[in-house]
């Protein structure tokens, strides 16, 4: 069996009433609000729906019966990882592949990658559609000139913090993400 076949075979069967979850490192203040306000000002329709974050697990549809096992898995992952430094500096973009402008993670990349790999095991084993690239989305899927403005506005922006935990989020019927539980590291 190939690696992709293994991932497909291990993907859970989705049942009626399934929920969409995601796992992310929340970006603390003042950066969190600064990015959210910039997204709103630049016309990103998801500005108020998505907390400022670094993704560890992108949106995943899961059965409610899996939530207890996912919680245990995330508690275990968090207990094995120590807090680590993250430094954001400057802007980047996934264009033309994907219409996204983001804050670049300059320090903490390897730690984010290791944490992402650990989260995406067990009940959260999922196929990646793109290689993992830790970043903080500034804007996405808006007019090119507005994406250019976000890129320029944050070109020299710097913010550093210590990642002390990650959060499980759940998306509601209006496509708004809500924190469900925090998982302190260590």
N, C-alpha and C. Protein backbone atom coordinates (compact mmCIF):
# COMPACT_ATOMS: atom_id res chain seq x y z
N UNK A 1 0.85 -1.17 0.00
CA UNK A 1 0.00 0.00 0.00
C UNK A 1 0.90 1.24 0.00
N UNK A 2 0.63 2.22 -0.87
CA UNK A 2 1.41 3.45 -0.91
C UNK A 2 1.02 4.34 0.26
N UNK A 3 1.83 5.37 0.49
CA UNK A 3 1.55 6.32 1.57
C UNK A 3 0.18 6.98 1.37
N UNK A 4 -0.12 7.41 0.13
CA UNK A 4 -1.41 8.05 -0.14
C UNK A 4 -2.57 7.08 0.07
N UNK A 5 -2.38 5.81 -0.32
CA UNK A 5 -3.43 4.83 -0.10
C UNK A 5 -3.65 4.60 1.40
N UNK A 6 -2.56 4.62 2.18
CA UNK A 6 -2.66 4.47 3.62
C UNK A 6 -3.47 5.62 4.21
N UNK A 7 -3.17 6.85 3.77
CA UNK A 7 -3.90 8.01 4.28
C UNK A 7 -5.37 7.92 3.92
N UNK A 8 -5.68 7.53 2.70
CA UNK A 8 -7.07 7.40 2.29
C UNK A 8 -7.77 6.32 3.09
N UNK A 9 -7.10 5.20 3.29
CA UNK A 9 -7.69 4.09 4.04
C UNK A 9 -7.96 4.48 5.48
N UNK A 10 -7.13 5.35 6.05
CA UNK A 10 -7.27 5.73 7.45
C UNK A 10 -8.20 6.92 7.66
N UNK A 11 -8.63 7.55 6.58
CA UNK A 11 -9.54 8.68 6.73
C UNK A 11 -10.86 8.18 7.30
N UNK A 12 -11.42 8.89 8.28
CA UNK A 12 -12.66 8.43 8.92
C UNK A 12 -13.85 8.52 7.98
N UNK A 13 -14.82 7.67 8.23
CA UNK A 13 -16.08 7.72 7.51
C UNK A 13 -16.91 8.83 8.14
N UNK A 14 -17.38 9.73 7.32
CA UNK A 14 -18.14 10.88 7.83
C UNK A 14 -19.60 10.50 7.93
N UNK A 15 -20.19 10.78 9.08
CA UNK A 15 -21.58 10.44 9.36
C UNK A 15 -22.45 11.70 9.32
N UNK A 16 -23.76 11.52 9.21
CA UNK A 16 -24.66 12.68 9.32
C UNK A 16 -24.42 13.39 10.66
N UNK A 17 -24.52 14.69 10.64
CA UNK A 17 -24.30 15.46 11.86
C UNK A 17 -22.84 15.75 12.12
N UNK A 18 -21.98 15.45 11.15
CA UNK A 18 -20.54 15.69 11.32
C UNK A 18 -20.26 17.18 11.51
N UNK A 19 -19.13 17.46 12.13
CA UNK A 19 -18.73 18.84 12.40
C UNK A 19 -17.38 19.12 11.74
N UNK A 20 -17.14 20.38 11.45
CA UNK A 20 -15.87 20.79 10.87
C UNK A 20 -15.00 21.37 11.98
N UNK A 21 -13.81 20.79 12.11
CA UNK A 21 -12.87 21.25 13.13
C UNK A 21 -11.57 21.69 12.46
N UNK A 22 -10.76 22.39 13.22
CA UNK A 22 -9.41 22.75 12.81
C UNK A 22 -8.58 22.90 14.07
N UNK A 23 -7.27 22.80 13.91
CA UNK A 23 -6.35 22.95 15.04
C UNK A 23 -5.33 24.01 14.64
N UNK A 24 -5.06 24.95 15.55
CA UNK A 24 -4.16 26.05 15.20
C UNK A 24 -3.48 26.64 16.43
N UNK A 25 -2.37 27.30 16.15
CA UNK A 25 -1.70 28.13 17.16
C UNK A 25 -2.31 29.52 17.05
N UNK A 26 -2.95 29.99 18.10
CA UNK A 26 -3.54 31.33 18.09
C UNK A 26 -2.42 32.37 18.16
N UNK A 27 -2.59 33.46 17.44
CA UNK A 27 -1.62 34.55 17.46
C UNK A 27 -2.06 35.55 18.53
N UNK A 28 -1.18 35.81 19.51
CA UNK A 28 -1.56 36.70 20.62
C UNK A 28 -1.63 38.16 20.20
N UNK A 29 -2.13 38.97 21.13
CA UNK A 29 -2.21 40.42 20.94
C UNK A 29 -0.83 41.04 21.11
N UNK A 30 -0.59 42.15 20.44
CA UNK A 30 -1.51 42.93 19.62
C UNK A 30 -1.59 42.45 18.17
N UNK A 31 -0.76 41.48 17.79
CA UNK A 31 -0.72 41.02 16.40
C UNK A 31 -2.06 40.45 15.94
N UNK A 32 -2.71 39.66 16.79
CA UNK A 32 -3.98 39.04 16.41
C UNK A 32 -5.00 40.06 15.93
N UNK A 33 -5.19 41.12 16.72
CA UNK A 33 -6.16 42.16 16.34
C UNK A 33 -5.69 42.97 15.14
N UNK A 34 -4.40 43.25 15.07
CA UNK A 34 -3.86 44.02 13.94
C UNK A 34 -4.14 43.31 12.62
N UNK A 35 -3.90 42.01 12.58
CA UNK A 35 -4.15 41.24 11.35
C UNK A 35 -5.64 41.19 11.06
N UNK A 36 -6.46 40.93 12.07
CA UNK A 36 -7.91 40.86 11.85
C UNK A 36 -8.45 42.19 11.33
N UNK A 37 -7.99 43.30 11.91
CA UNK A 37 -8.43 44.62 11.46
C UNK A 37 -7.96 44.91 10.03
N UNK A 38 -6.74 44.50 9.69
CA UNK A 38 -6.24 44.70 8.32
C UNK A 38 -7.07 43.88 7.34
N UNK A 39 -7.39 42.65 7.71
CA UNK A 39 -8.22 41.80 6.84
C UNK A 39 -9.57 42.46 6.58
N UNK A 40 -10.16 43.00 7.64
CA UNK A 40 -11.47 43.64 7.50
C UNK A 40 -11.37 44.89 6.62
N UNK A 41 -10.36 45.73 6.90
CA UNK A 41 -10.17 46.97 6.14
C UNK A 41 -9.91 46.71 4.66
N UNK A 42 -9.23 45.61 4.35
CA UNK A 42 -8.89 45.28 2.97
C UNK A 42 -9.99 44.50 2.26
N UNK A 43 -11.09 44.23 2.97
CA UNK A 43 -12.25 43.61 2.34
C UNK A 43 -12.24 42.09 2.30
N UNK A 44 -11.45 41.46 3.17
CA UNK A 44 -11.47 40.00 3.24
C UNK A 44 -12.76 39.58 3.94
N UNK A 45 -13.66 38.88 3.25
CA UNK A 45 -14.95 38.52 3.86
C UNK A 45 -14.83 37.59 5.06
N UNK A 46 -13.68 36.95 5.24
CA UNK A 46 -13.50 36.03 6.36
C UNK A 46 -12.83 36.69 7.57
N UNK A 47 -12.66 38.00 7.52
CA UNK A 47 -11.92 38.73 8.57
C UNK A 47 -12.44 38.45 9.97
N UNK A 48 -13.73 38.46 10.16
CA UNK A 48 -14.32 38.25 11.50
C UNK A 48 -14.67 36.79 11.78
N UNK A 49 -14.59 35.95 10.76
CA UNK A 49 -14.97 34.55 10.93
C UNK A 49 -13.81 33.66 11.35
N UNK A 50 -12.58 34.11 11.10
CA UNK A 50 -11.41 33.27 11.35
C UNK A 50 -10.46 33.98 12.31
N UNK A 51 -10.22 33.43 13.49
CA UNK A 51 -9.23 34.02 14.40
C UNK A 51 -7.84 33.98 13.75
N UNK A 52 -6.99 34.95 14.10
CA UNK A 52 -5.64 35.00 13.57
C UNK A 52 -4.84 33.82 14.13
N UNK A 53 -4.20 33.06 13.23
CA UNK A 53 -3.62 31.78 13.64
C UNK A 53 -2.54 31.28 12.70
N UNK A 54 -1.83 30.23 13.15
CA UNK A 54 -0.98 29.39 12.31
C UNK A 54 -1.65 28.03 12.30
N UNK A 55 -2.04 27.55 11.14
CA UNK A 55 -2.76 26.28 11.03
C UNK A 55 -1.86 25.09 11.37
N UNK A 56 -2.41 24.17 12.13
CA UNK A 56 -1.77 22.87 12.38
C UNK A 56 -2.58 21.76 11.70
N UNK A 57 -3.89 21.91 11.67
CA UNK A 57 -4.78 21.00 10.95
C UNK A 57 -5.82 21.86 10.24
N UNK A 58 -5.83 21.84 8.90
CA UNK A 58 -6.84 22.63 8.19
C UNK A 58 -8.23 22.05 8.42
N UNK A 59 -9.27 22.73 7.97
CA UNK A 59 -10.64 22.26 8.21
C UNK A 59 -10.79 20.77 7.88
N UNK A 60 -11.36 20.04 8.83
CA UNK A 60 -11.56 18.60 8.68
C UNK A 60 -12.96 18.25 9.17
N UNK A 61 -13.68 17.51 8.37
CA UNK A 61 -15.02 17.06 8.73
C UNK A 61 -14.89 15.77 9.54
N UNK A 62 -15.44 15.78 10.75
CA UNK A 62 -15.34 14.61 11.61
C UNK A 62 -16.71 14.29 12.21
N UNK A 63 -16.87 13.03 12.56
CA UNK A 63 -18.08 12.59 13.22
C UNK A 63 -18.03 13.05 14.68
N UNK A 64 -19.16 13.49 15.24
CA UNK A 64 -19.18 13.87 16.66
C UNK A 64 -18.69 12.75 17.57
N UNK A 65 -18.85 11.50 17.15
CA UNK A 65 -18.40 10.38 17.98
C UNK A 65 -16.88 10.32 18.06
N UNK A 66 -16.18 11.04 17.19
CA UNK A 66 -14.71 11.05 17.20
C UNK A 66 -14.14 12.10 18.14
N UNK A 67 -14.96 13.05 18.59
CA UNK A 67 -14.44 14.20 19.33
C UNK A 67 -13.73 13.83 20.63
N UNK A 68 -14.22 12.83 21.33
CA UNK A 68 -13.58 12.42 22.58
C UNK A 68 -12.17 11.86 22.30
N UNK A 69 -12.05 11.05 21.27
CA UNK A 69 -10.75 10.50 20.89
C UNK A 69 -9.80 11.57 20.38
N UNK A 70 -10.35 12.54 19.65
CA UNK A 70 -9.53 13.66 19.15
C UNK A 70 -9.02 14.48 20.32
N UNK A 71 -9.88 14.72 21.31
CA UNK A 71 -9.46 15.47 22.49
C UNK A 71 -8.32 14.74 23.22
N UNK A 72 -8.45 13.45 23.40
CA UNK A 72 -7.39 12.67 24.07
C UNK A 72 -6.10 12.73 23.26
N UNK A 73 -6.22 12.61 21.95
CA UNK A 73 -5.05 12.68 21.06
C UNK A 73 -4.35 14.03 21.19
N UNK A 74 -5.12 15.12 21.17
CA UNK A 74 -4.52 16.46 21.24
C UNK A 74 -3.90 16.72 22.62
N UNK A 75 -4.52 16.21 23.69
CA UNK A 75 -3.93 16.34 25.02
C UNK A 75 -2.58 15.63 25.07
N UNK A 76 -2.52 14.44 24.47
CA UNK A 76 -1.28 13.68 24.43
C UNK A 76 -0.20 14.42 23.63
N UNK A 77 -0.57 14.91 22.47
CA UNK A 77 0.39 15.66 21.63
C UNK A 77 0.92 16.86 22.42
N UNK A 78 0.04 17.65 22.99
CA UNK A 78 0.46 18.85 23.73
C UNK A 78 1.38 18.51 24.88
N UNK A 79 1.14 17.40 25.55
CA UNK A 79 1.95 17.03 26.72
C UNK A 79 3.39 16.69 26.33
N UNK A 80 3.61 16.32 25.08
CA UNK A 80 4.95 15.91 24.62
C UNK A 80 5.74 17.02 23.95
N UNK A 81 5.17 18.22 23.85
CA UNK A 81 5.83 19.33 23.15
C UNK A 81 6.07 20.46 24.14
N UNK A 82 7.27 21.02 24.11
CA UNK A 82 7.60 22.15 24.99
C UNK A 82 7.28 23.47 24.29
N UNK A 83 6.96 24.51 25.04
CA UNK A 83 6.77 25.83 24.43
C UNK A 83 7.98 26.20 23.57
N UNK A 84 7.73 26.99 22.53
CA UNK A 84 8.81 27.37 21.62
C UNK A 84 8.58 28.78 21.08
N UNK A 85 9.68 29.40 20.66
CA UNK A 85 9.63 30.78 20.15
C UNK A 85 9.17 30.80 18.70
N UNK A 86 8.34 31.79 18.40
CA UNK A 86 7.92 32.04 17.02
C UNK A 86 8.19 33.51 16.73
N UNK A 87 8.77 33.75 15.58
CA UNK A 87 9.02 35.11 15.12
C UNK A 87 8.41 35.26 13.74
N UNK A 88 7.60 36.29 13.58
CA UNK A 88 7.01 36.63 12.29
C UNK A 88 7.74 37.85 11.76
N UNK A 89 8.10 37.81 10.49
CA UNK A 89 8.76 38.97 9.90
C UNK A 89 8.48 39.03 8.41
N UNK A 90 7.80 40.10 8.02
CA UNK A 90 7.56 40.35 6.61
C UNK A 90 6.38 39.57 6.05
N UNK A 91 6.11 39.86 4.77
CA UNK A 91 4.98 39.25 4.09
C UNK A 91 5.45 38.32 2.99
N UNK A 92 4.60 37.38 2.65
CA UNK A 92 4.83 36.44 1.56
C UNK A 92 3.52 36.17 0.87
N UNK A 93 3.57 35.37 -0.19
CA UNK A 93 2.36 35.06 -0.92
C UNK A 93 2.46 33.68 -1.56
N UNK A 94 1.31 33.03 -1.69
CA UNK A 94 1.24 31.76 -2.40
C UNK A 94 0.79 31.98 -3.85
N UNK A 95 0.59 33.23 -4.24
CA UNK A 95 0.18 33.52 -5.62
C UNK A 95 1.30 33.12 -6.58
N UNK A 96 1.04 32.61 -7.74
CA UNK A 96 -0.28 32.45 -8.39
C UNK A 96 -0.95 31.12 -8.08
N UNK A 97 -0.32 30.24 -7.29
CA UNK A 97 -0.91 28.93 -6.98
C UNK A 97 -2.21 29.10 -6.19
N UNK A 98 -2.17 29.98 -5.18
CA UNK A 98 -3.32 30.19 -4.32
C UNK A 98 -3.38 31.68 -3.96
N UNK A 99 -4.56 32.29 -4.02
CA UNK A 99 -4.68 33.74 -3.77
C UNK A 99 -4.61 34.08 -2.28
N UNK A 100 -3.41 33.99 -1.72
CA UNK A 100 -3.19 34.23 -0.29
C UNK A 100 -1.95 35.08 -0.10
N UNK A 101 -2.06 36.08 0.79
CA UNK A 101 -0.90 36.85 1.27
C UNK A 101 -0.80 36.58 2.76
N UNK A 102 0.43 36.39 3.25
CA UNK A 102 0.60 35.96 4.64
C UNK A 102 1.79 36.62 5.30
N UNK A 103 1.81 36.53 6.65
CA UNK A 103 2.99 36.88 7.43
C UNK A 103 3.91 35.67 7.45
N UNK A 104 5.19 35.91 7.25
CA UNK A 104 6.17 34.84 7.17
C UNK A 104 6.62 34.43 8.57
N UNK A 105 6.65 33.14 8.84
CA UNK A 105 7.23 32.61 10.07
C UNK A 105 8.73 32.48 9.82
N UNK A 106 9.54 33.27 10.57
CA UNK A 106 10.99 33.25 10.40
C UNK A 106 11.68 32.37 11.42
N UNK A 107 11.14 32.33 12.62
CA UNK A 107 11.69 31.50 13.68
C UNK A 107 10.57 30.61 14.20
N UNK A 108 10.89 29.36 14.44
CA UNK A 108 9.89 28.42 14.93
C UNK A 108 9.34 27.52 13.85
N UNK A 109 9.90 27.60 12.64
CA UNK A 109 9.39 26.78 11.52
C UNK A 109 9.49 25.30 11.85
N UNK A 110 10.67 24.85 12.27
CA UNK A 110 10.86 23.41 12.55
C UNK A 110 9.93 22.95 13.67
N UNK A 111 9.73 23.78 14.68
CA UNK A 111 8.84 23.41 15.79
C UNK A 111 7.39 23.34 15.31
N UNK A 112 6.98 24.29 14.46
CA UNK A 112 5.62 24.24 13.90
C UNK A 112 5.45 22.98 13.06
N UNK A 113 6.46 22.66 12.24
CA UNK A 113 6.38 21.46 11.39
C UNK A 113 6.26 20.19 12.23
N UNK A 114 7.07 20.10 13.29
CA UNK A 114 7.02 18.91 14.16
C UNK A 114 5.66 18.81 14.85
N UNK A 115 5.12 19.94 15.31
CA UNK A 115 3.82 19.94 15.98
C UNK A 115 2.72 19.56 14.99
N UNK A 116 2.79 20.10 13.80
CA UNK A 116 1.80 19.77 12.77
C UNK A 116 1.82 18.28 12.46
N UNK A 117 3.02 17.70 12.33
CA UNK A 117 3.13 16.26 12.05
C UNK A 117 2.52 15.44 13.19
N UNK A 118 2.76 15.86 14.42
CA UNK A 118 2.22 15.13 15.58
C UNK A 118 0.70 15.24 15.64
N UNK A 119 0.16 16.43 15.38
CA UNK A 119 -1.30 16.63 15.40
C UNK A 119 -1.95 15.76 14.34
N UNK A 120 -1.34 15.69 13.15
CA UNK A 120 -1.93 14.98 12.01
C UNK A 120 -1.63 13.48 12.03
N UNK A 121 -1.77 12.87 13.20
CA UNK A 121 -1.63 11.43 13.34
C UNK A 121 -2.89 10.89 14.00
N UNK A 122 -2.94 9.59 14.18
CA UNK A 122 -4.08 8.98 14.88
C UNK A 122 -5.40 9.38 14.27
N UNK A 123 -6.35 9.87 15.08
CA UNK A 123 -7.68 10.19 14.55
C UNK A 123 -7.68 11.40 13.61
N UNK A 124 -6.57 12.14 13.54
CA UNK A 124 -6.51 13.32 12.68
C UNK A 124 -5.58 13.11 11.48
N UNK A 125 -5.29 11.87 11.15
CA UNK A 125 -4.49 11.57 9.97
C UNK A 125 -5.28 11.96 8.73
N UNK A 126 -4.74 12.87 7.97
CA UNK A 126 -5.40 13.37 6.76
C UNK A 126 -4.36 13.55 5.66
N UNK A 127 -4.81 13.47 4.43
CA UNK A 127 -3.95 13.73 3.29
C UNK A 127 -3.74 15.24 3.15
N UNK A 128 -2.51 15.62 2.87
CA UNK A 128 -2.20 17.03 2.60
C UNK A 128 -2.44 17.31 1.12
N UNK A 129 -3.03 18.47 0.84
CA UNK A 129 -3.22 18.89 -0.55
C UNK A 129 -2.04 19.73 -1.01
N UNK A 130 -1.31 20.31 -0.05
CA UNK A 130 -0.11 21.09 -0.31
C UNK A 130 0.90 20.76 0.78
N UNK A 131 2.20 20.93 0.51
CA UNK A 131 3.18 20.75 1.59
C UNK A 131 2.89 21.75 2.72
N UNK A 132 3.15 21.34 3.96
CA UNK A 132 2.90 22.22 5.10
C UNK A 132 3.87 23.38 5.08
N UNK A 133 3.34 24.59 5.23
CA UNK A 133 4.14 25.82 5.24
C UNK A 133 3.56 26.73 6.32
N UNK A 134 4.14 26.73 7.55
CA UNK A 134 3.56 27.56 8.61
C UNK A 134 3.56 29.04 8.22
N UNK A 135 2.44 29.70 8.42
CA UNK A 135 2.28 31.11 8.07
C UNK A 135 1.04 31.65 8.78
N UNK A 136 0.90 32.98 8.75
CA UNK A 136 -0.29 33.65 9.30
C UNK A 136 -0.97 34.36 8.13
N UNK A 137 -2.14 33.90 7.75
CA UNK A 137 -2.85 34.50 6.62
C UNK A 137 -3.22 35.94 6.94
N UNK A 138 -2.87 36.82 5.99
CA UNK A 138 -3.27 38.23 6.08
C UNK A 138 -4.57 38.45 5.34
N UNK A 139 -4.62 38.03 4.08
CA UNK A 139 -5.83 38.13 3.26
C UNK A 139 -5.84 36.97 2.28
N UNK A 140 -7.03 36.63 1.83
CA UNK A 140 -7.14 35.57 0.82
C UNK A 140 -8.36 35.80 -0.05
N UNK A 141 -8.23 35.40 -1.29
CA UNK A 141 -9.32 35.44 -2.27
C UNK A 141 -10.02 36.80 -2.32
N UNK A 142 -9.20 37.86 -2.41
CA UNK A 142 -9.75 39.21 -2.63
C UNK A 142 -9.07 39.77 -3.88
N UNK A 143 -9.45 40.97 -4.28
CA UNK A 143 -8.90 41.59 -5.48
C UNK A 143 -7.38 41.70 -5.39
N UNK A 144 -6.73 41.49 -6.52
CA UNK A 144 -5.26 41.51 -6.58
C UNK A 144 -4.66 42.79 -6.00
N UNK A 145 -5.24 43.93 -6.30
CA UNK A 145 -4.66 45.19 -5.81
C UNK A 145 -4.73 45.28 -4.28
N UNK A 146 -5.76 44.69 -3.70
CA UNK A 146 -5.86 44.66 -2.23
C UNK A 146 -4.87 43.67 -1.63
N UNK A 147 -4.65 42.56 -2.33
CA UNK A 147 -3.63 41.63 -1.86
C UNK A 147 -2.25 42.29 -1.95
N UNK A 148 -2.01 43.05 -3.01
CA UNK A 148 -0.74 43.78 -3.14
C UNK A 148 -0.58 44.77 -1.99
N UNK A 149 -1.67 45.44 -1.62
CA UNK A 149 -1.62 46.40 -0.51
C UNK A 149 -1.27 45.71 0.80
N UNK A 150 -1.86 44.56 1.06
CA UNK A 150 -1.55 43.80 2.28
C UNK A 150 -0.09 43.38 2.27
N UNK A 151 0.40 42.92 1.13
CA UNK A 151 1.79 42.50 1.00
C UNK A 151 2.73 43.66 1.33
N UNK A 152 2.44 44.83 0.79
CA UNK A 152 3.28 46.02 1.02
C UNK A 152 3.16 46.51 2.47
N UNK A 153 1.95 46.55 2.98
CA UNK A 153 1.72 47.06 4.34
C UNK A 153 2.47 46.25 5.40
N UNK A 154 2.58 44.95 5.21
CA UNK A 154 3.21 44.09 6.21
C UNK A 154 4.63 43.65 5.82
N UNK A 155 5.20 44.26 4.80
CA UNK A 155 6.52 43.85 4.29
C UNK A 155 7.60 43.90 5.36
N UNK A 156 7.52 44.84 6.28
CA UNK A 156 8.55 44.97 7.33
C UNK A 156 8.02 44.68 8.73
N UNK A 157 6.80 44.20 8.81
CA UNK A 157 6.19 43.94 10.12
C UNK A 157 6.95 42.84 10.86
N UNK A 158 7.13 43.03 12.16
CA UNK A 158 7.79 42.03 13.02
C UNK A 158 6.97 41.81 14.29
N UNK A 159 6.89 40.55 14.69
CA UNK A 159 6.22 40.21 15.94
C UNK A 159 6.78 38.87 16.41
N UNK A 160 7.12 38.78 17.68
CA UNK A 160 7.64 37.53 18.25
C UNK A 160 6.83 37.18 19.49
N UNK A 161 6.69 35.89 19.72
CA UNK A 161 5.97 35.41 20.91
C UNK A 161 6.40 33.98 21.20
N UNK A 162 6.01 33.51 22.37
CA UNK A 162 6.27 32.12 22.71
C UNK A 162 4.98 31.33 22.54
N UNK A 163 5.03 30.28 21.73
CA UNK A 163 3.88 29.39 21.56
C UNK A 163 3.81 28.52 22.81
N UNK A 164 2.75 28.69 23.57
CA UNK A 164 2.58 27.95 24.82
C UNK A 164 1.45 26.95 24.75
N UNK A 165 0.77 26.88 23.61
CA UNK A 165 -0.32 25.94 23.45
C UNK A 165 -0.97 26.10 22.10
N UNK A 166 -1.90 25.22 21.80
CA UNK A 166 -2.67 25.32 20.56
C UNK A 166 -4.14 25.13 20.90
N UNK A 167 -4.99 25.36 19.93
CA UNK A 167 -6.44 25.38 20.16
C UNK A 167 -7.17 24.51 19.14
N UNK A 168 -8.18 23.80 19.62
CA UNK A 168 -9.13 23.10 18.75
C UNK A 168 -10.27 24.07 18.47
N UNK A 169 -10.58 24.26 17.19
CA UNK A 169 -11.66 25.15 16.78
C UNK A 169 -12.76 24.32 16.10
N UNK A 170 -13.98 24.85 16.16
CA UNK A 170 -15.10 24.23 15.44
C UNK A 170 -15.81 25.32 14.65
N UNK A 171 -16.20 24.99 13.44
CA UNK A 171 -16.88 25.94 12.56
C UNK A 171 -18.38 25.79 12.72
N UNK A 172 -19.08 26.92 12.86
CA UNK A 172 -20.54 26.85 12.99
C UNK A 172 -21.22 26.90 11.63
N UNK A 173 -22.54 26.89 11.62
CA UNK A 173 -23.30 26.87 10.37
C UNK A 173 -23.15 28.14 9.54
N UNK A 174 -22.66 29.22 10.16
CA UNK A 174 -22.42 30.47 9.42
C UNK A 174 -20.98 30.58 8.94
N UNK A 175 -20.21 29.49 9.09
CA UNK A 175 -18.81 29.41 8.67
C UNK A 175 -17.88 30.22 9.58
N UNK A 176 -18.30 30.48 10.80
CA UNK A 176 -17.49 31.20 11.79
C UNK A 176 -16.80 30.17 12.67
N UNK A 177 -15.50 30.40 12.95
CA UNK A 177 -14.71 29.49 13.77
C UNK A 177 -14.74 29.91 15.22
N UNK A 178 -14.96 28.93 16.13
CA UNK A 178 -15.02 29.18 17.56
C UNK A 178 -14.03 28.27 18.29
N UNK A 179 -13.30 28.81 19.27
CA UNK A 179 -12.41 27.94 20.05
C UNK A 179 -13.24 26.97 20.89
N UNK A 180 -12.82 25.71 20.91
CA UNK A 180 -13.49 24.68 21.69
C UNK A 180 -12.68 24.37 22.94
N UNK A 181 -11.37 24.20 22.74
CA UNK A 181 -10.50 23.87 23.87
C UNK A 181 -9.07 24.25 23.56
N UNK A 182 -8.38 24.77 24.59
CA UNK A 182 -6.94 25.06 24.49
C UNK A 182 -6.15 23.89 25.05
N UNK A 183 -5.00 23.65 24.45
CA UNK A 183 -4.11 22.56 24.87
C UNK A 183 -2.74 23.16 25.20
N UNK A 184 -2.46 23.37 26.49
CA UNK A 184 -1.16 23.94 26.87
C UNK A 184 -0.03 22.96 26.53
N UNK A 185 1.08 23.50 26.06
CA UNK A 185 2.24 22.67 25.73
C UNK A 185 2.99 22.30 27.00
N UNK A 186 3.62 21.12 26.95
CA UNK A 186 4.45 20.68 28.08
C UNK A 186 3.63 19.97 29.09
